[in-house]
Amino acid sequence: MSTLLVHLESEAQEKAVKAVLEALQINFEQEIDETEYLMSSPAMVARIEQGEKDIQAGKGVKVDPNNLWSKEQLSAFKAMAKALKVDFETEKSPYDPAFVAKIKQSQQDLKEGKGTVITIDELKELCK
């Protein structure tokens, strides 16, 4: 079958659509807009507003965990976040650690001038 995505603009529309779907015994799932969900909690709204004030006052720090290249940097960041009672999540890399190590080593080798530059034509010739 197919999936319909319906954008409702009012609670009255939501109630009517749900009533019709239920009357027709059509299975449906309801997703809540992320912004609506966050703004539905007064405590969350207060935390967001305080965070905005902190950022405007220069108290905020943005850290992109993707830029933490070494295990030491990531460990230090985790320890700091834990000590400051900052919630964070980490995801395990989908890449084999040995493969990542080879890529990092090759990047370092290039920085140190240990690489060989070849043209596309030379590469094509090597691949014949």
N, C-alpha and C. Protein backbone atom coordinates (compact mmCIF):
# COMPACT_ATOMS: atom_id res chain seq x y z
N MET A 1 0.84 -1.18 0.00
CA MET A 1 0.00 0.00 0.00
C MET A 1 0.88 1.24 0.00
N SER A 2 0.29 2.35 0.33
CA SER A 2 1.04 3.60 0.31
C SER A 2 0.96 4.30 1.66
N THR A 3 1.82 5.27 1.81
CA THR A 3 1.86 6.07 3.03
C THR A 3 1.48 7.49 2.68
N LEU A 4 0.62 8.06 3.48
CA LEU A 4 0.22 9.44 3.30
C LEU A 4 0.80 10.27 4.42
N LEU A 5 1.36 11.39 4.08
CA LEU A 5 1.87 12.32 5.08
C LEU A 5 0.93 13.52 5.07
N VAL A 6 0.28 13.75 6.19
CA VAL A 6 -0.73 14.81 6.28
C VAL A 6 -0.22 15.89 7.22
N HIS A 7 -0.26 17.13 6.77
CA HIS A 7 0.17 18.27 7.59
C HIS A 7 -1.07 18.96 8.14
N LEU A 8 -1.31 18.76 9.42
CA LEU A 8 -2.48 19.34 10.06
C LEU A 8 -2.14 20.69 10.67
N GLU A 9 -3.11 21.59 10.63
CA GLU A 9 -2.86 22.94 11.10
C GLU A 9 -3.61 23.29 12.38
N SER A 10 -4.45 22.40 12.85
CA SER A 10 -5.19 22.71 14.08
C SER A 10 -5.56 21.42 14.80
N GLU A 11 -5.92 21.56 16.06
CA GLU A 11 -6.36 20.40 16.85
C GLU A 11 -7.66 19.85 16.30
N ALA A 12 -8.52 20.72 15.78
CA ALA A 12 -9.80 20.28 15.23
C ALA A 12 -9.56 19.37 14.02
N GLN A 13 -8.61 19.76 13.16
CA GLN A 13 -8.28 18.92 12.01
C GLN A 13 -7.72 17.58 12.47
N GLU A 14 -6.86 17.61 13.48
CA GLU A 14 -6.26 16.38 14.00
C GLU A 14 -7.33 15.44 14.52
N LYS A 15 -8.26 15.95 15.31
CA LYS A 15 -9.34 15.12 15.85
C LYS A 15 -10.19 14.53 14.73
N ALA A 16 -10.51 15.35 13.73
CA ALA A 16 -11.35 14.88 12.63
C ALA A 16 -10.67 13.78 11.83
N VAL A 17 -9.39 13.98 11.51
CA VAL A 17 -8.65 12.98 10.74
C VAL A 17 -8.53 11.68 11.54
N LYS A 18 -8.22 11.79 12.82
CA LYS A 18 -8.12 10.58 13.65
C LYS A 18 -9.45 9.84 13.70
N ALA A 19 -10.54 10.58 13.84
CA ALA A 19 -11.87 9.96 13.91
C ALA A 19 -12.18 9.21 12.62
N VAL A 20 -11.86 9.81 11.49
CA VAL A 20 -12.11 9.15 10.20
C VAL A 20 -11.26 7.89 10.07
N LEU A 21 -9.98 8.00 10.38
CA LEU A 21 -9.08 6.84 10.27
C LEU A 21 -9.53 5.71 11.20
N GLU A 22 -9.91 6.06 12.41
CA GLU A 22 -10.38 5.03 13.35
C GLU A 22 -11.68 4.41 12.88
N ALA A 23 -12.60 5.23 12.35
CA ALA A 23 -13.89 4.71 11.87
C ALA A 23 -13.68 3.75 10.70
N LEU A 24 -12.68 4.03 9.88
CA LEU A 24 -12.37 3.16 8.74
C LEU A 24 -11.43 2.02 9.11
N GLN A 25 -11.06 1.96 10.38
CA GLN A 25 -10.14 0.94 10.91
C GLN A 25 -8.82 0.93 10.13
N ILE A 26 -8.30 2.13 9.91
CA ILE A 26 -7.02 2.29 9.23
C ILE A 26 -5.95 2.52 10.29
N ASN A 27 -4.91 1.69 10.25
CA ASN A 27 -3.81 1.85 11.19
C ASN A 27 -3.04 3.13 10.86
N PHE A 28 -2.65 3.85 11.90
CA PHE A 28 -1.87 5.07 11.69
C PHE A 28 -0.94 5.30 12.86
N GLU A 29 0.10 6.05 12.58
CA GLU A 29 1.06 6.44 13.60
C GLU A 29 1.10 7.95 13.65
N GLN A 30 1.29 8.46 14.84
CA GLN A 30 1.37 9.90 14.99
C GLN A 30 2.77 10.29 15.42
N GLU A 31 3.36 11.22 14.69
CA GLU A 31 4.68 11.73 15.06
C GLU A 31 4.51 13.15 15.57
N ILE A 32 5.23 13.44 16.62
CA ILE A 32 5.18 14.79 17.19
C ILE A 32 6.35 15.58 16.65
N ASP A 33 6.08 16.78 16.20
CA ASP A 33 7.12 17.69 15.74
C ASP A 33 8.13 17.89 16.87
N GLU A 34 9.43 17.82 16.56
CA GLU A 34 10.47 17.96 17.59
C GLU A 34 10.35 19.27 18.35
N THR A 35 10.11 20.35 17.63
CA THR A 35 9.99 21.66 18.29
C THR A 35 8.78 21.67 19.21
N GLU A 36 7.68 21.14 18.72
CA GLU A 36 6.46 21.08 19.54
C GLU A 36 6.70 20.25 20.80
N TYR A 37 7.40 19.13 20.64
CA TYR A 37 7.70 18.28 21.79
C TYR A 37 8.55 19.02 22.81
N LEU A 38 9.62 19.67 22.35
CA LEU A 38 10.50 20.38 23.27
C LEU A 38 9.77 21.52 23.97
N MET A 39 8.94 22.22 23.22
CA MET A 39 8.26 23.38 23.79
C MET A 39 7.07 23.00 24.66
N SER A 40 6.71 21.72 24.69
CA SER A 40 5.56 21.29 25.49
C SER A 40 5.92 21.16 26.97
N SER A 41 7.19 21.18 27.28
CA SER A 41 7.63 21.05 28.68
C SER A 41 8.13 22.40 29.18
N PRO A 42 7.47 22.98 30.19
CA PRO A 42 7.92 24.26 30.73
C PRO A 42 9.37 24.20 31.23
N ALA A 43 9.77 23.06 31.80
CA ALA A 43 11.13 22.92 32.29
C ALA A 43 12.12 22.97 31.13
N MET A 44 11.79 22.32 30.01
CA MET A 44 12.67 22.33 28.85
C MET A 44 12.75 23.73 28.25
N VAL A 45 11.62 24.42 28.19
CA VAL A 45 11.61 25.79 27.67
C VAL A 45 12.53 26.66 28.52
N ALA A 46 12.46 26.49 29.84
CA ALA A 46 13.32 27.27 30.74
C ALA A 46 14.80 26.96 30.49
N ARG A 47 15.13 25.68 30.28
CA ARG A 47 16.53 25.30 30.02
C ARG A 47 17.02 25.87 28.69
N ILE A 48 16.15 25.86 27.68
CA ILE A 48 16.53 26.41 26.38
C ILE A 48 16.75 27.91 26.49
N GLU A 49 15.83 28.60 27.17
CA GLU A 49 15.97 30.05 27.34
C GLU A 49 17.23 30.39 28.12
N GLN A 50 17.53 29.61 29.17
CA GLN A 50 18.74 29.86 29.94
C GLN A 50 19.98 29.61 29.09
N GLY A 51 19.94 28.58 28.27
CA GLY A 51 21.05 28.28 27.38
C GLY A 51 21.28 29.41 26.39
N GLU A 52 20.20 29.97 25.86
CA GLU A 52 20.33 31.11 24.93
C GLU A 52 20.95 32.31 25.63
N LYS A 53 20.52 32.56 26.86
CA LYS A 53 21.09 33.68 27.64
C LYS A 53 22.58 33.43 27.91
N ASP A 54 22.92 32.19 28.25
CA ASP A 54 24.32 31.85 28.51
C ASP A 54 25.18 32.07 27.27
N ILE A 55 24.67 31.67 26.12
CA ILE A 55 25.43 31.84 24.87
C ILE A 55 25.61 33.32 24.57
N GLN A 56 24.54 34.11 24.73
CA GLN A 56 24.65 35.55 24.48
C GLN A 56 25.62 36.21 25.45
N ALA A 57 25.74 35.66 26.66
CA ALA A 57 26.66 36.22 27.65
C ALA A 57 28.08 35.68 27.48
N GLY A 58 28.29 34.88 26.43
CA GLY A 58 29.62 34.35 26.17
C GLY A 58 29.99 33.16 27.04
N LYS A 59 29.01 32.52 27.63
CA LYS A 59 29.27 31.38 28.52
C LYS A 59 29.18 30.04 27.80
N GLY A 60 28.81 30.05 26.53
CA GLY A 60 28.63 28.80 25.81
C GLY A 60 29.89 28.35 25.10
N VAL A 61 30.03 27.07 24.94
CA VAL A 61 31.15 26.49 24.20
C VAL A 61 30.57 25.41 23.29
N LYS A 62 30.92 25.49 22.02
CA LYS A 62 30.44 24.49 21.07
C LYS A 62 31.58 23.53 20.77
N VAL A 63 31.30 22.26 20.93
CA VAL A 63 32.31 21.23 20.66
C VAL A 63 31.71 20.25 19.67
N ASP A 64 32.42 20.06 18.57
CA ASP A 64 32.01 19.07 17.59
C ASP A 64 32.84 17.83 17.84
N PRO A 65 32.22 16.77 18.40
CA PRO A 65 33.01 15.57 18.72
C PRO A 65 33.68 14.96 17.49
N ASN A 66 33.20 15.30 16.29
CA ASN A 66 33.84 14.77 15.08
C ASN A 66 35.23 15.36 14.89
N ASN A 67 35.52 16.48 15.57
CA ASN A 67 36.83 17.10 15.44
C ASN A 67 37.82 16.60 16.51
N LEU A 68 37.38 15.71 17.38
CA LEU A 68 38.26 15.14 18.39
C LEU A 68 38.90 13.89 17.77
N TRP A 69 40.13 14.05 17.30
CA TRP A 69 40.75 12.99 16.51
C TRP A 69 41.39 11.90 17.35
N SER A 70 41.97 12.27 18.47
CA SER A 70 42.70 11.25 19.22
C SER A 70 41.85 10.70 20.36
N LYS A 71 42.22 9.51 20.79
CA LYS A 71 41.54 8.90 21.94
C LYS A 71 41.74 9.77 23.17
N GLU A 72 42.91 10.39 23.28
CA GLU A 72 43.20 11.24 24.44
C GLU A 72 42.27 12.44 24.47
N GLN A 73 42.06 13.08 23.30
CA GLN A 73 41.17 14.23 23.24
C GLN A 73 39.75 13.83 23.61
N LEU A 74 39.28 12.72 23.06
CA LEU A 74 37.92 12.26 23.34
C LEU A 74 37.78 11.90 24.81
N SER A 75 38.77 11.22 25.38
CA SER A 75 38.72 10.86 26.80
C SER A 75 38.70 12.10 27.68
N ALA A 76 39.52 13.09 27.32
CA ALA A 76 39.55 14.33 28.10
C ALA A 76 38.21 15.05 28.01
N PHE A 77 37.61 15.08 26.82
CA PHE A 77 36.30 15.72 26.66
C PHE A 77 35.25 15.01 27.49
N LYS A 78 35.23 13.68 27.45
CA LYS A 78 34.26 12.91 28.23
C LYS A 78 34.43 13.17 29.72
N ALA A 79 35.67 13.20 30.19
CA ALA A 79 35.94 13.43 31.60
C ALA A 79 35.47 14.83 32.01
N MET A 80 35.74 15.82 31.16
CA MET A 80 35.32 17.18 31.46
C MET A 80 33.79 17.28 31.50
N ALA A 81 33.13 16.69 30.51
CA ALA A 81 31.67 16.74 30.45
C ALA A 81 31.06 16.04 31.67
N LYS A 82 31.64 14.92 32.04
CA LYS A 82 31.13 14.18 33.20
C LYS A 82 31.32 14.99 34.48
N ALA A 83 32.48 15.62 34.63
CA ALA A 83 32.76 16.42 35.82
C ALA A 83 31.81 17.61 35.92
N LEU A 84 31.44 18.17 34.78
CA LEU A 84 30.54 19.32 34.75
C LEU A 84 29.07 18.91 34.72
N LYS A 85 28.84 17.60 34.78
CA LYS A 85 27.49 17.04 34.75
C LYS A 85 26.74 17.46 33.49
N VAL A 86 27.45 17.38 32.35
CA VAL A 86 26.88 17.70 31.05
C VAL A 86 26.48 16.39 30.38
N ASP A 87 25.23 16.32 29.94
CA ASP A 87 24.77 15.13 29.24
C ASP A 87 25.38 15.09 27.85
N PHE A 88 25.82 13.92 27.43
CA PHE A 88 26.34 13.75 26.08
C PHE A 88 26.18 12.30 25.68
N GLU A 89 26.23 12.08 24.38
CA GLU A 89 26.13 10.73 23.84
C GLU A 89 27.32 10.49 22.92
N THR A 90 27.74 9.27 22.86
CA THR A 90 28.79 8.92 21.90
C THR A 90 28.28 7.75 21.07
N GLU A 91 28.71 7.72 19.84
CA GLU A 91 28.36 6.62 18.96
C GLU A 91 29.64 5.93 18.53
N LYS A 92 29.57 4.63 18.45
CA LYS A 92 30.72 3.88 17.99
C LYS A 92 30.88 4.07 16.49
N SER A 93 32.09 4.26 16.05
CA SER A 93 32.37 4.47 14.63
C SER A 93 32.01 3.21 13.84
N PRO A 94 31.42 3.38 12.66
CA PRO A 94 31.12 2.22 11.84
C PRO A 94 32.36 1.67 11.14
N TYR A 95 33.50 2.37 11.28
CA TYR A 95 34.71 1.97 10.58
C TYR A 95 35.60 1.10 11.46
N ASP A 96 36.28 0.18 10.82
CA ASP A 96 37.24 -0.69 11.49
C ASP A 96 38.39 0.18 12.01
N PRO A 97 38.73 0.09 13.31
CA PRO A 97 39.80 0.91 13.88
C PRO A 97 41.14 0.77 13.14
N ALA A 98 41.43 -0.41 12.63
CA ALA A 98 42.69 -0.61 11.88
C ALA A 98 42.67 0.20 10.59
N PHE A 99 41.51 0.25 9.93
CA PHE A 99 41.37 1.03 8.70
C PHE A 99 41.55 2.52 9.01
N VAL A 100 40.91 2.99 10.07
CA VAL A 100 41.02 4.40 10.46
C VAL A 100 42.48 4.75 10.77
N ALA A 101 43.18 3.84 11.46
CA ALA A 101 44.59 4.07 11.79
C ALA A 101 45.42 4.20 10.52
N LYS A 102 45.15 3.36 9.51
CA LYS A 102 45.89 3.44 8.25
C LYS A 102 45.65 4.78 7.55
N ILE A 103 44.41 5.24 7.55
CA ILE A 103 44.08 6.52 6.91
C ILE A 103 44.80 7.66 7.64
N LYS A 104 44.75 7.65 8.97
CA LYS A 104 45.42 8.69 9.75
C LYS A 104 46.93 8.68 9.50
N GLN A 105 47.50 7.48 9.43
CA GLN A 105 48.93 7.36 9.17
C GLN A 105 49.28 7.89 7.79
N SER A 106 48.44 7.59 6.81
CA SER A 106 48.73 8.08 5.46
C SER A 106 48.60 9.60 5.40
N GLN A 107 47.66 10.19 6.15
CA GLN A 107 47.54 11.65 6.20
C GLN A 107 48.80 12.25 6.83
N GLN A 108 49.29 11.63 7.87
CA GLN A 108 50.51 12.11 8.53
C GLN A 108 51.71 11.97 7.59
N ASP A 109 51.79 10.85 6.89
CA ASP A 109 52.88 10.64 5.93
C ASP A 109 52.88 11.73 4.86
N LEU A 110 51.71 12.07 4.35
CA LEU A 110 51.63 13.12 3.33
C LEU A 110 52.11 14.46 3.88
N LYS A 111 51.74 14.77 5.13
CA LYS A 111 52.19 16.02 5.75
C LYS A 111 53.71 16.06 5.86
N GLU A 112 54.30 14.89 6.05
CA GLU A 112 55.76 14.80 6.21
C GLU A 112 56.47 14.61 4.87
N GLY A 113 55.74 14.71 3.77
CA GLY A 113 56.35 14.60 2.44
C GLY A 113 56.72 13.19 2.04
N LYS A 114 56.12 12.20 2.64
CA LYS A 114 56.46 10.81 2.35
C LYS A 114 55.60 10.20 1.24
N GLY A 115 54.76 11.01 0.60
CA GLY A 115 53.87 10.48 -0.43
C GLY A 115 54.43 10.66 -1.82
N THR A 116 53.78 10.02 -2.78
CA THR A 116 54.15 10.16 -4.18
C THR A 116 52.94 10.71 -4.92
N VAL A 117 53.15 11.78 -5.68
CA VAL A 117 52.06 12.39 -6.44
C VAL A 117 52.08 11.80 -7.85
N ILE A 118 50.90 11.33 -8.28
CA ILE A 118 50.79 10.82 -9.65
C ILE A 118 49.58 11.46 -10.31
N THR A 119 49.61 11.50 -11.63
CA THR A 119 48.49 12.09 -12.37
C THR A 119 47.41 11.03 -12.58
N ILE A 120 46.25 11.49 -13.01
CA ILE A 120 45.16 10.55 -13.33
C ILE A 120 45.58 9.60 -14.42
N ASP A 121 46.26 10.12 -15.42
CA ASP A 121 46.72 9.25 -16.53
C ASP A 121 47.67 8.17 -16.02
N GLU A 122 48.56 8.54 -15.12
CA GLU A 122 49.48 7.54 -14.56
C GLU A 122 48.72 6.50 -13.75
N LEU A 123 47.69 6.94 -13.02
CA LEU A 123 46.89 6.01 -12.25
C LEU A 123 46.15 5.04 -13.16
N LYS A 124 45.57 5.58 -14.24
CA LYS A 124 44.89 4.72 -15.21
C LYS A 124 45.84 3.69 -15.80
N GLU A 125 47.06 4.11 -16.09
CA GLU A 125 48.06 3.21 -16.65
C GLU A 125 48.41 2.09 -15.67
N LEU A 126 48.48 2.45 -14.38
CA LEU A 126 48.78 1.44 -13.35
C LEU A 126 47.64 0.44 -13.18
N CYS A 127 46.43 0.87 -13.48
CA CYS A 127 45.25 0.02 -13.26
C CYS A 127 44.91 -0.87 -14.45
N LYS A 128 45.69 -0.81 -15.50
CA LYS A 128 45.41 -1.64 -16.69
C LYS A 128 45.78 -3.07 -16.44
